[in-house]
């Protein structure tokens, strides 16, 4: 999966946050929906401009970010 075919960043759209190409839907928003318990079918139904491939691209993008060290593990609180 080449996420670069689906995810772009444009400083004039959502202050440059990564978005799904052809939409104003950010990767952050999609991850937030999933964190709230939404499933793929709910997202696709609510956002008809998205595709299964664009959702897969979000995961591929996040995987690359983690691999490249752009995301870091949460800080553990001391007891």
Protein backbone atom coordinates (compact mmCIF):
# COMPACT_ATOMS: atom_id res chain seq x y z
CA UNK A 1 0.00 0.00 0.00
CA UNK A 2 1.43 3.34 -1.06
CA UNK A 3 -0.27 5.76 1.31
CA UNK A 4 1.16 8.71 -0.65
CA UNK A 5 -1.50 8.05 -3.31
CA UNK A 6 -4.22 8.78 -0.73
CA UNK A 7 -2.80 11.13 1.90
CA UNK A 8 -1.51 14.63 1.29
CA UNK A 9 -0.59 17.70 3.26
CA UNK A 10 -1.46 21.19 2.03
CA UNK A 11 -0.68 24.22 4.18
CA UNK A 12 -3.90 25.84 2.90
CA UNK A 13 -6.09 22.96 4.11
CA UNK A 14 -6.46 22.31 7.85
CA UNK A 15 -3.19 24.14 8.53
CA UNK A 16 -1.20 21.45 6.74
CA UNK A 17 -2.46 18.44 8.70
CA UNK A 18 -2.32 15.21 6.70
CA UNK A 19 -5.67 14.67 4.98
CA UNK A 20 -7.29 12.13 2.69
CA UNK A 21 -6.73 13.37 -0.87
CA UNK A 22 -9.82 15.04 -2.34
CA UNK A 23 -11.36 15.71 1.08
CA UNK A 24 -10.89 17.88 4.13
CA UNK A 25 -10.90 14.80 6.36
CA UNK A 26 -7.72 14.56 8.42
CA UNK A 27 -5.84 11.43 9.36
CA UNK A 28 -6.16 12.66 12.94
CA UNK A 29 -9.97 12.69 12.62
CA UNK A 30 -10.08 9.14 11.26
CA UNK A 31 -7.84 7.88 14.07
CA UNK A 32 -10.04 9.73 16.57
CA UNK A 33 -13.17 8.02 15.23
CA UNK A 34 -11.51 4.62 15.51
CA UNK A 35 -10.36 5.44 19.06
CA UNK A 36 -13.99 6.25 19.93
CA UNK A 37 -15.06 2.79 18.77
CA UNK A 38 -16.27 3.50 15.25
CA UNK A 39 -15.76 0.66 12.81
CA UNK A 40 -14.87 0.78 9.13
CA UNK A 41 -18.49 0.44 7.98
CA UNK A 42 -19.63 3.35 10.16
CA UNK A 43 -16.85 5.59 8.87
CA UNK A 44 -17.50 4.72 5.23
CA UNK A 45 -21.25 5.26 5.67
CA UNK A 46 -20.76 8.62 7.39
CA UNK A 47 -18.06 9.81 4.98
CA UNK A 48 -19.02 8.53 1.51
CA UNK A 49 -16.00 10.15 -0.17
CA UNK A 50 -13.73 7.75 1.71
CA UNK A 51 -12.91 4.27 0.44
CA UNK A 52 -11.61 1.11 2.04
CA UNK A 53 -8.29 1.88 0.37
CA UNK A 54 -8.13 5.38 1.85
CA UNK A 55 -8.74 3.93 5.32
CA UNK A 56 -6.03 1.34 4.74
CA UNK A 57 -3.75 4.20 3.68
CA UNK A 58 -4.31 5.85 7.07
CA UNK A 59 -2.95 2.75 8.80
CA UNK A 60 -0.03 2.53 6.40
CA UNK A 61 0.77 6.20 7.02
CA UNK A 62 0.67 5.73 10.81
CA UNK A 63 2.86 2.63 10.51
CA UNK A 64 5.47 4.62 8.58
CA UNK A 65 5.32 7.42 11.15
CA UNK A 66 5.97 4.95 13.96
CA UNK A 67 8.75 3.26 12.01
CA UNK A 68 10.41 6.62 11.29
CA UNK A 69 10.22 7.60 14.95
CA UNK A 70 7.75 10.42 14.38
CA UNK A 71 5.43 8.97 17.01
CA UNK A 72 6.72 8.04 20.40
CA UNK A 73 5.35 5.77 23.12
CA UNK A 74 3.32 7.43 25.87
CA UNK A 75 5.22 8.59 28.92
CA UNK A 76 4.70 6.40 31.94
CA UNK A 77 3.45 8.16 35.03
CA UNK A 78 5.44 7.52 38.16
CA UNK A 79 3.49 5.87 40.95
